[in-house]
Amino acid sequence: IGIDRAEAARTAADLVLWLGPEGEGGESWEIDPQCDRP
């Protein structure tokens, strides 16, 4: 249910910050998080 709501939130957003694998976020902003982790 939480995942379904997350998808709905992405659809309604003005902007999505994508923290997942590169290229899978569609028109989202690609964010490279956790750069402190080697």
PDB file of all heavy atoms in Angstrom:
ATOM      1  N   ILE A   1       0.838  -1.205   0.000  1.00  0.00           N
ATOM      2  CA  ILE A   1       0.000   0.000   0.000  1.00  0.00           C
ATOM      3  C   ILE A   1       0.870   1.251   0.000  1.00  0.00           C
ATOM      4  O   ILE A   1       0.615   2.219  -0.713  1.00  0.00           O
ATOM      5  CB  ILE A   1      -0.957  -0.004   1.210  1.00  0.00           C
ATOM      6  CG1 ILE A   1      -1.985  -1.135   1.074  1.00  0.00           C
ATOM      7  CG2 ILE A   1      -1.674   1.342   1.344  1.00  0.00           C
ATOM      8  CD1 ILE A   1      -2.832  -1.328   2.319  1.00  0.00           C
ATOM      9  N   GLY A   2       1.935   1.222   0.806  1.00  0.00           N
ATOM     10  CA  GLY A   2       2.850   2.361   0.848  1.00  0.00           C
ATOM     11  C   GLY A   2       3.500   2.620  -0.496  1.00  0.00           C
ATOM     12  O   GLY A   2       3.677   3.771  -0.907  1.00  0.00           O
ATOM     13  N   ILE A   3       3.849   1.557  -1.226  1.00  0.00           N
ATOM     14  CA  ILE A   3       4.456   1.714  -2.542  1.00  0.00           C
ATOM     15  C   ILE A   3       3.462   2.311  -3.524  1.00  0.00           C
ATOM     16  O   ILE A   3       3.805   3.187  -4.332  1.00  0.00           O
ATOM     17  CB  ILE A   3       4.988   0.352  -3.040  1.00  0.00           C
ATOM     18  CG1 ILE A   3       6.179  -0.089  -2.175  1.00  0.00           C
ATOM     19  CG2 ILE A   3       5.386   0.423  -4.508  1.00  0.00           C
ATOM     20  CD1 ILE A   3       6.669  -1.491  -2.467  1.00  0.00           C
ATOM     21  N   ASP A   4       2.209   1.865  -3.452  1.00  0.00           N
ATOM     22  CA  ASP A   4       1.170   2.437  -4.326  1.00  0.00           C
ATOM     23  C   ASP A   4       1.000   3.927  -4.055  1.00  0.00           C
ATOM     24  O   ASP A   4       0.838   4.733  -4.985  1.00  0.00           O
ATOM     25  CB  ASP A   4      -0.152   1.707  -4.112  1.00  0.00           C
ATOM     26  CG  ASP A   4      -0.125   0.278  -4.632  1.00  0.00           C
ATOM     27  OD1 ASP A   4       0.767  -0.037  -5.446  1.00  0.00           O
ATOM     28  OD2 ASP A   4      -0.989  -0.529  -4.213  1.00  0.00           O
ATOM     29  N   ARG A   5       1.032   4.298  -2.781  1.00  0.00           N
ATOM     30  CA  ARG A   5       0.894   5.714  -2.441  1.00  0.00           C
ATOM     31  C   ARG A   5       2.114   6.508  -2.892  1.00  0.00           C
ATOM     32  O   ARG A   5       2.002   7.679  -3.286  1.00  0.00           O
ATOM     33  CB  ARG A   5       0.684   5.868  -0.930  1.00  0.00           C
ATOM     34  CG  ARG A   5      -0.670   5.334  -0.458  1.00  0.00           C
ATOM     35  CD  ARG A   5      -0.883   5.543   1.018  1.00  0.00           C
ATOM     36  NE  ARG A   5      -2.201   5.076   1.433  1.00  0.00           N
ATOM     37  CZ  ARG A   5      -2.658   5.119   2.684  1.00  0.00           C
ATOM     38  NH1 ARG A   5      -1.885   5.623   3.648  1.00  0.00           N
ATOM     39  NH2 ARG A   5      -3.868   4.669   2.967  1.00  0.00           N
ATOM     40  N   ALA A   6       3.277   5.882  -2.835  1.00  0.00           N
ATOM     41  CA  ALA A   6       4.490   6.549  -3.321  1.00  0.00           C
ATOM     42  C   ALA A   6       4.385   6.835  -4.812  1.00  0.00           C
ATOM     43  O   ALA A   6       4.769   7.911  -5.288  1.00  0.00           O
ATOM     44  CB  ALA A   6       5.712   5.682  -3.023  1.00  0.00           C
ATOM     45  N   GLU A   7       3.860   5.879  -5.567  1.00  0.00           N
ATOM     46  CA  GLU A   7       3.691   6.083  -7.011  1.00  0.00           C
ATOM     47  C   GLU A   7       2.697   7.213  -7.274  1.00  0.00           C
ATOM     48  O   GLU A   7       2.892   8.036  -8.179  1.00  0.00           O
ATOM     49  CB  GLU A   7       3.209   4.787  -7.669  1.00  0.00           C
ATOM     50  CG  GLU A   7       4.234   3.657  -7.649  1.00  0.00           C
ATOM     51  CD  GLU A   7       5.372   3.878  -8.624  1.00  0.00           C
ATOM     52  OE1 GLU A   7       5.466   4.958  -9.233  1.00  0.00           O
ATOM     53  OE2 GLU A   7       6.202   2.956  -8.772  1.00  0.00           O
ATOM     54  N   ALA A   8       1.612   7.255  -6.494  1.00  0.00           N
ATOM     55  CA  ALA A   8       0.634   8.328  -6.658  1.00  0.00           C
ATOM     56  C   ALA A   8       1.249   9.685  -6.331  1.00  0.00           C
ATOM     57  O   ALA A   8       0.967  10.688  -7.006  1.00  0.00           O
ATOM     58  CB  ALA A   8      -0.583   8.065  -5.772  1.00  0.00           C
ATOM     59  N   ALA A   9       2.097   9.726  -5.310  1.00  0.00           N
ATOM     60  CA  ALA A   9       2.755  10.982  -4.939  1.00  0.00           C
ATOM     61  C   ALA A   9       3.685  11.451  -6.048  1.00  0.00           C
ATOM     62  O   ALA A   9       3.769  12.649  -6.353  1.00  0.00           O
ATOM     63  CB  ALA A   9       3.528  10.808  -3.631  1.00  0.00           C
ATOM     64  N   ARG A  10       4.387  10.533  -6.680  1.00  0.00           N
ATOM     65  CA  ARG A  10       5.266  10.899  -7.798  1.00  0.00           C
ATOM     66  C   ARG A  10       4.473  11.520  -8.943  1.00  0.00           C
ATOM     67  O   ARG A  10       4.892  12.506  -9.555  1.00  0.00           O
ATOM     68  CB  ARG A  10       6.014   9.669  -8.314  1.00  0.00           C
ATOM     69  CG  ARG A  10       7.103   9.155  -7.397  1.00  0.00           C
ATOM     70  CD  ARG A  10       7.778   7.938  -8.004  1.00  0.00           C
ATOM     71  NE  ARG A  10       8.506   8.263  -9.243  1.00  0.00           N
ATOM     72  CZ  ARG A  10       9.079   7.351 -10.024  1.00  0.00           C
ATOM     73  NH1 ARG A  10       8.991   6.058  -9.721  1.00  0.00           N
ATOM     74  NH2 ARG A  10       9.718   7.723 -11.113  1.00  0.00           N
ATOM     75  N   THR A  11       3.306  10.955  -9.201  1.00  0.00           N
ATOM     76  CA  THR A  11       2.472  11.466 -10.291  1.00  0.00           C
ATOM     77  C   THR A  11       1.995  12.883 -10.006  1.00  0.00           C
ATOM     78  O   THR A  11       1.906  13.721 -10.910  1.00  0.00           O
ATOM     79  CB  THR A  11       1.269  10.535 -10.511  1.00  0.00           C
ATOM     80  OG1 THR A  11       1.742   9.219 -10.808  1.00  0.00           O
ATOM     81  CG2 THR A  11       0.384  11.032 -11.657  1.00  0.00           C
ATOM     82  N   ALA A  12       1.667  13.174  -8.739  1.00  0.00           N
ATOM     83  CA  ALA A  12       1.119  14.483  -8.370  1.00  0.00           C
ATOM     84  C   ALA A  12       2.190  15.525  -8.076  1.00  0.00           C
ATOM     85  O   ALA A  12       1.872  16.699  -7.863  1.00  0.00           O
ATOM     86  CB  ALA A  12       0.214  14.327  -7.146  1.00  0.00           C
ATOM     87  N   ALA A  13       3.458  15.134  -8.081  1.00  0.00           N
ATOM     88  CA  ALA A  13       4.536  16.043  -7.668  1.00  0.00           C
ATOM     89  C   ALA A  13       4.821  17.104  -8.726  1.00  0.00           C
ATOM     90  O   ALA A  13       4.613  16.894  -9.923  1.00  0.00           O
ATOM     91  CB  ALA A  13       5.798  15.246  -7.390  1.00  0.00           C
ATOM     92  N   ASP A  14       5.292  18.248  -8.255  1.00  0.00           N
ATOM     93  CA  ASP A  14       5.832  19.259  -9.163  1.00  0.00           C
ATOM     94  C   ASP A  14       7.257  18.899  -9.586  1.00  0.00           C
ATOM     95  O   ASP A  14       7.704  19.290 -10.662  1.00  0.00           O
ATOM     96  CB  ASP A  14       5.818  20.633  -8.491  1.00  0.00           C
ATOM     97  CG  ASP A  14       4.410  21.100  -8.165  1.00  0.00           C
ATOM     98  OD1 ASP A  14       3.570  21.134  -9.072  1.00  0.00           O
ATOM     99  OD2 ASP A  14       4.147  21.421  -6.990  1.00  0.00           O
ATOM    100  N   LEU A  15       7.953  18.146  -8.723  1.00  0.00           N
ATOM    101  CA  LEU A  15       9.323  17.730  -9.016  1.00  0.00           C
ATOM    102  C   LEU A  15       9.617  16.471  -8.208  1.00  0.00           C
ATOM    103  O   LEU A  15       9.205  16.362  -7.053  1.00  0.00           O
ATOM    104  CB  LEU A  15      10.319  18.836  -8.635  1.00  0.00           C
ATOM    105  CG  LEU A  15      11.804  18.508  -8.778  1.00  0.00           C
ATOM    106  CD1 LEU A  15      12.174  18.300 -10.245  1.00  0.00           C
ATOM    107  CD2 LEU A  15      12.666  19.607  -8.167  1.00  0.00           C
ATOM    108  N   VAL A  16      10.324  15.524  -8.830  1.00  0.00           N
ATOM    109  CA  VAL A  16      10.730  14.291  -8.153  1.00  0.00           C
ATOM    110  C   VAL A  16      12.250  14.255  -8.085  1.00  0.00           C
ATOM    111  O   VAL A  16      12.937  14.464  -9.094  1.00  0.00           O
ATOM    112  CB  VAL A  16      10.202  13.039  -8.879  1.00  0.00           C
ATOM    113  CG1 VAL A  16      10.708  11.768  -8.190  1.00  0.00           C
ATOM    114  CG2 VAL A  16       8.679  13.040  -8.917  1.00  0.00           C
ATOM    115  N   LEU A  17      12.777  13.995  -6.897  1.00  0.00           N
ATOM    116  CA  LEU A  17      14.200  13.750  -6.715  1.00  0.00           C
ATOM    117  C   LEU A  17      14.387  12.239  -6.716  1.00  0.00           C
ATOM    118  O   LEU A  17      13.893  11.548  -5.817  1.00  0.00           O
ATOM    119  CB  LEU A  17      14.700  14.356  -5.393  1.00  0.00           C
ATOM    120  CG  LEU A  17      14.450  15.850  -5.175  1.00  0.00           C
ATOM    121  CD1 LEU A  17      15.085  16.298  -3.864  1.00  0.00           C
ATOM    122  CD2 LEU A  17      14.978  16.677  -6.338  1.00  0.00           C
ATOM    123  N   TRP A  18      15.081  11.726  -7.716  1.00  0.00           N
ATOM    124  CA  TRP A  18      15.240  10.279  -7.858  1.00  0.00           C
ATOM    125  C   TRP A  18      16.571   9.840  -7.261  1.00  0.00           C
ATOM    126  O   TRP A  18      17.645  10.247  -7.698  1.00  0.00           O
ATOM    127  CB  TRP A  18      15.171   9.879  -9.328  1.00  0.00           C
ATOM    128  CG  TRP A  18      15.383   8.414  -9.569  1.00  0.00           C
ATOM    129  CD1 TRP A  18      16.459   7.833 -10.151  1.00  0.00           C
ATOM    130  CD2 TRP A  18      14.498   7.351  -9.205  1.00  0.00           C
ATOM    131  NE1 TRP A  18      16.310   6.464 -10.198  1.00  0.00           N
ATOM    132  CE2 TRP A  18      15.108   6.132  -9.614  1.00  0.00           C
ATOM    133  CE3 TRP A  18      13.258   7.306  -8.590  1.00  0.00           C
ATOM    134  CZ2 TRP A  18      14.512   4.898  -9.418  1.00  0.00           C
ATOM    135  CZ3 TRP A  18      12.653   6.071  -8.386  1.00  0.00           C
ATOM    136  CH2 TRP A  18      13.274   4.885  -8.798  1.00  0.00           C
ATOM    137  N   LEU A  19      16.496   8.995  -6.242  1.00  0.00           N
ATOM    138  CA  LEU A  19      17.676   8.522  -5.536  1.00  0.00           C
ATOM    139  C   LEU A  19      18.016   7.082  -5.891  1.00  0.00           C
ATOM    140  O   LEU A  19      18.892   6.470  -5.277  1.00  0.00           O
ATOM    141  CB  LEU A  19      17.478   8.643  -4.018  1.00  0.00           C
ATOM    142  CG  LEU A  19      17.711  10.028  -3.390  1.00  0.00           C
ATOM    143  CD1 LEU A  19      16.657  11.030  -3.856  1.00  0.00           C
ATOM    144  CD2 LEU A  19      17.679   9.929  -1.860  1.00  0.00           C
ATOM    145  N   GLY A  20      17.314   6.532  -6.891  1.00  0.00           N
ATOM    146  CA  GLY A  20      17.525   5.142  -7.269  1.00  0.00           C
ATOM    147  C   GLY A  20      18.538   4.991  -8.384  1.00  0.00           C
ATOM    148  O   GLY A  20      19.295   5.913  -8.706  1.00  0.00           O
ATOM    149  N   PRO A  21      18.579   3.796  -8.996  1.00  0.00           N
ATOM    150  CA  PRO A  21      19.531   3.526 -10.085  1.00  0.00           C
ATOM    151  C   PRO A  21      19.392   4.534 -11.212  1.00  0.00           C
ATOM    152  O   PRO A  21      18.274   4.921 -11.583  1.00  0.00           O
ATOM    153  CB  PRO A  21      19.136   2.115 -10.543  1.00  0.00           C
ATOM    154  CG  PRO A  21      18.520   1.490  -9.330  1.00  0.00           C
ATOM    155  CD  PRO A  21      17.784   2.599  -8.643  1.00  0.00           C
ATOM    156  N   GLU A  22      20.524   4.929 -11.736  1.00  0.00           N
ATOM    157  CA  GLU A  22      20.539   5.973 -12.763  1.00  0.00           C
ATOM    158  C   GLU A  22      19.730   5.545 -13.987  1.00  0.00           C
ATOM    159  O   GLU A  22      19.839   4.416 -14.459  1.00  0.00           O
ATOM    160  CB  GLU A  22      21.979   6.287 -13.160  1.00  0.00           C
ATOM    161  CG  GLU A  22      22.124   7.550 -13.984  1.00  0.00           C
ATOM    162  CD  GLU A  22      23.566   8.022 -14.033  1.00  0.00           C
ATOM    163  OE1 GLU A  22      24.473   7.237 -13.675  1.00  0.00           O
ATOM    164  OE2 GLU A  22      23.787   9.196 -14.399  1.00  0.00           O
ATOM    165  N   GLY A  23      18.907   6.486 -14.477  1.00  0.00           N
ATOM    166  CA  GLY A  23      18.127   6.232 -15.678  1.00  0.00           C
ATOM    167  C   GLY A  23      16.756   5.653 -15.435  1.00  0.00           C
ATOM    168  O   GLY A  23      15.955   5.544 -16.373  1.00  0.00           O
ATOM    169  N   GLU A  24      16.436   5.273 -14.201  1.00  0.00           N
ATOM    170  CA  GLU A  24      15.140   4.657 -13.911  1.00  0.00           C
ATOM    171  C   GLU A  24      14.119   5.644 -13.357  1.00  0.00           C
ATOM    172  O   GLU A  24      12.994   5.272 -13.069  1.00  0.00           O
ATOM    173  CB  GLU A  24      15.315   3.493 -12.923  1.00  0.00           C
ATOM    174  CG  GLU A  24      16.149   2.346 -13.481  1.00  0.00           C
ATOM    175  CD  GLU A  24      16.240   1.175 -12.514  1.00  0.00           C
ATOM    176  OE1 GLU A  24      15.478   1.174 -11.510  1.00  0.00           O
ATOM    177  OE2 GLU A  24      17.072   0.272 -12.746  1.00  0.00           O
ATOM    178  N   GLY A  25      14.511   6.902 -13.231  1.00  0.00           N
ATOM    179  CA  GLY A  25      13.619   7.888 -12.620  1.00  0.00           C
ATOM    180  C   GLY A  25      12.815   8.704 -13.595  1.00  0.00           C
ATOM    181  O   GLY A  25      12.103   9.628 -13.186  1.00  0.00           O
ATOM    182  N   GLY A  26      12.881   8.399 -14.873  1.00  0.00           N
ATOM    183  CA  GLY A  26      12.100   9.153 -15.852  1.00  0.00           C
ATOM    184  C   GLY A  26      12.581  10.593 -15.952  1.00  0.00           C
ATOM    185  O   GLY A  26      13.767  10.870 -16.117  1.00  0.00           O
ATOM    186  N   GLU A  27      11.619  11.525 -15.854  1.00  0.00           N
ATOM    187  CA  GLU A  27      11.923  12.957 -15.973  1.00  0.00           C
ATOM    188  C   GLU A  27      12.371  13.578 -14.647  1.00  0.00           C
ATOM    189  O   GLU A  27      12.450  14.785 -14.514  1.00  0.00           O
ATOM    190  CB  GLU A  27      10.691  13.711 -16.484  1.00  0.00           C
ATOM    191  CG  GLU A  27      10.228  13.285 -17.874  1.00  0.00           C
ATOM    192  CD  GLU A  27      11.294  13.523 -18.921  1.00  0.00           C
ATOM    193  OE1 GLU A  27      11.945  14.591 -18.871  1.00  0.00           O
ATOM    194  OE2 GLU A  27      11.487  12.649 -19.781  1.00  0.00           O
ATOM    195  N   SER A  28      12.655  12.744 -13.669  1.00  0.00           N
ATOM    196  CA  SER A  28      13.053  13.234 -12.345  1.00  0.00           C
ATOM    197  C   SER A  28      14.470  13.811 -12.380  1.00  0.00           C
ATOM    198  O   SER A  28      15.226  13.600 -13.336  1.00  0.00           O
ATOM    199  CB  SER A  28      12.997  12.097 -11.324  1.00  0.00           C
ATOM    200  OG  SER A  28      11.757  11.434 -11.356  1.00  0.00           O
ATOM    201  N   TRP A  29      14.822  14.523 -11.307  1.00  0.00           N
ATOM    202  CA  TRP A  29      16.203  14.949 -11.120  1.00  0.00           C
ATOM    203  C   TRP A  29      17.002  13.747 -10.599  1.00  0.00           C
ATOM    204  O   TRP A  29      16.600  13.113  -9.610  1.00  0.00           O
ATOM    205  CB  TRP A  29      16.291  16.080 -10.107  1.00  0.00           C
ATOM    206  CG  TRP A  29      15.912  17.428 -10.637  1.00  0.00           C
ATOM    207  CD1 TRP A  29      15.353  17.724 -11.833  1.00  0.00           C
ATOM    208  CD2 TRP A  29      16.099  18.672  -9.956  1.00  0.00           C
ATOM    209  NE1 TRP A  29      15.155  19.070 -11.961  1.00  0.00           N
ATOM    210  CE2 TRP A  29      15.606  19.684 -10.814  1.00  0.00           C
ATOM    211  CE3 TRP A  29      16.615  19.030  -8.719  1.00  0.00           C
ATOM    212  CZ2 TRP A  29      15.619  21.033 -10.464  1.00  0.00           C
ATOM    213  CZ3 TRP A  29      16.633  20.367  -8.358  1.00  0.00           C
ATOM    214  CH2 TRP A  29      16.138  21.364  -9.229  1.00  0.00           C
ATOM    215  N   GLU A  30      18.112  13.453 -11.243  1.00  0.00           N
ATOM    216  CA  GLU A  30      18.995  12.399 -10.762  1.00  0.00           C
ATOM    217  C   GLU A  30      19.817  12.929  -9.588  1.00  0.00           C
ATOM    218  O   GLU A  30      20.567  13.902  -9.723  1.00  0.00           O
ATOM    219  CB  GLU A  30      19.933  11.930 -11.877  1.00  0.00           C
ATOM    220  CG  GLU A  30      19.267  11.131 -12.969  1.00  0.00           C
ATOM    221  CD  GLU A  30      19.004   9.679 -12.576  1.00  0.00           C
ATOM    222  OE1 GLU A  30      19.344   9.315 -11.422  1.00  0.00           O
ATOM    223  OE2 GLU A  30      18.472   8.935 -13.409  1.00  0.00           O
ATOM    224  N   ILE A  31      19.652  12.290  -8.435  1.00  0.00           N
ATOM    225  CA  ILE A  31      20.409  12.657  -7.238  1.00  0.00           C
ATOM    226  C   ILE A  31      21.322  11.494  -6.874  1.00  0.00           C
ATOM    227  O   ILE A  31      20.876  10.343  -6.794  1.00  0.00           O
ATOM    228  CB  ILE A  31      19.469  12.976  -6.058  1.00  0.00           C
ATOM    229  CG1 ILE A  31      18.455  14.061  -6.429  1.00  0.00           C
ATOM    230  CG2 ILE A  31      20.283  13.387  -4.829  1.00  0.00           C
ATOM    231  CD1 ILE A  31      19.071  15.392  -6.793  1.00  0.00           C
ATOM    232  N   ASP A  32      22.597  11.790  -6.706  1.00  0.00           N
ATOM    233  CA  ASP A  32      23.563  10.785  -6.236  1.00  0.00           C
ATOM    234  C   ASP A  32      23.704  10.976  -4.730  1.00  0.00           C
ATOM    235  O   ASP A  32      24.433  11.862  -4.266  1.00  0.00           O
ATOM    236  CB  ASP A  32      24.901  10.976  -6.948  1.00  0.00           C
ATOM    237  CG  ASP A  32      25.873   9.832  -6.672  1.00  0.00           C
ATOM    238  OD1 ASP A  32      25.549   8.980  -5.820  1.00  0.00           O
ATOM    239  OD2 ASP A  32      26.937   9.794  -7.300  1.00  0.00           O
ATOM    240  N   PRO A  33      22.976  10.178  -3.934  1.00  0.00           N
ATOM    241  CA  PRO A  33      22.974  10.389  -2.484  1.00  0.00           C
ATOM    242  C   PRO A  33      24.120   9.636  -1.810  1.00  0.00           C
ATOM    243  O   PRO A  33      24.842   8.867  -2.436  1.00  0.00           O
ATOM    244  CB  PRO A  33      21.621   9.797  -2.078  1.00  0.00           C
ATOM    245  CG  PRO A  33      21.435   8.659  -3.043  1.00  0.00           C
ATOM    246  CD  PRO A  33      22.088   9.077  -4.341  1.00  0.00           C
ATOM    247  N   GLN A  34      24.275   9.878  -0.558  1.00  0.00           N
ATOM    248  CA  GLN A  34      25.209   9.121   0.290  1.00  0.00           C
ATOM    249  C   GLN A  34      26.632   9.136  -0.280  1.00  0.00           C
ATOM    250  O   GLN A  34      27.332   8.132  -0.285  1.00  0.00           O
ATOM    251  CB  GLN A  34      24.723   7.675   0.451  1.00  0.00           C
ATOM    252  CG  GLN A  34      23.324   7.590   1.045  1.00  0.00           C
ATOM    253  CD  GLN A  34      22.778   6.171   1.072  1.00  0.00           C
ATOM    254  OE1 GLN A  34      23.084   5.361   0.200  1.00  0.00           O
ATOM    255  NE2 GLN A  34      21.966   5.867   2.078  1.00  0.00           N
ATOM    256  N   CYS A  35      27.055  10.320  -0.754  1.00  0.00           N
ATOM    257  CA  CYS A  35      28.394  10.387  -1.342  1.00  0.00           C
ATOM    258  C   CYS A  35      29.492  10.205  -0.297  1.00  0.00           C
ATOM    259  O   CYS A  35      30.671  10.100  -0.650  1.00  0.00           O
ATOM    260  CB  CYS A  35      28.574  11.692  -2.104  1.00  0.00           C
ATOM    261  SG  CYS A  35      28.635  13.168  -1.060  1.00  0.00           S
ATOM    262  N   ASP A  36      29.120  10.187   0.971  1.00  0.00           N
ATOM    263  CA  ASP A  36      30.093   9.942   2.033  1.00  0.00           C
ATOM    264  C   ASP A  36      30.440   8.455   2.143  1.00  0.00           C
ATOM    265  O   ASP A  36      31.404   8.094   2.825  1.00  0.00           O
ATOM    266  CB  ASP A  36      29.542  10.443   3.364  1.00  0.00           C
ATOM    267  CG  ASP A  36      28.201   9.806   3.696  1.00  0.00           C
ATOM    268  OD1 ASP A  36      27.214  10.134   2.994  1.00  0.00           O
ATOM    269  OD2 ASP A  36      28.114   8.996   4.633  1.00  0.00           O
ATOM    270  N   ARG A  37      29.660   7.589   1.468  1.00  0.00           N
ATOM    271  CA  ARG A  37      29.900   6.145   1.558  1.00  0.00           C
ATOM    272  C   ARG A  37      30.857   5.711   0.450  1.00  0.00           C
ATOM    273  O   ARG A  37      30.553   5.821  -0.743  1.00  0.00           O
ATOM    274  CB  ARG A  37      28.576   5.388   1.426  1.00  0.00           C
ATOM    275  CG  ARG A  37      27.632   5.612   2.591  1.00  0.00           C
ATOM    276  CD  ARG A  37      26.328   4.856   2.398  1.00  0.00           C
ATOM    277  NE  ARG A  37      26.556   3.433   2.183  1.00  0.00           N
ATOM    278  CZ  ARG A  37      25.579   2.533   2.046  1.00  0.00           C
ATOM    279  NH1 ARG A  37      24.304   2.939   2.086  1.00  0.00           N
ATOM    280  NH2 ARG A  37      25.847   1.260   1.860  1.00  0.00           N
ATOM    281  N   PRO A  38      32.017   5.193   0.783  1.00  0.00           N
ATOM    282  CA  PRO A  38      32.998   4.796  -0.242  1.00  0.00           C
ATOM    283  C   PRO A  38      32.541   3.599  -1.069  1.00  0.00           C
ATOM    284  O   PRO A  38      33.045   3.375  -2.172  1.00  0.00           O
ATOM    285  CB  PRO A  38      34.253   4.471   0.574  1.00  0.00           C
ATOM    286  CG  PRO A  38      33.744   4.137   1.947  1.00  0.00           C
ATOM    287  CD  PRO A  38      32.533   4.990   2.158  1.00  0.00           C
TER     288      PRO A  38
END
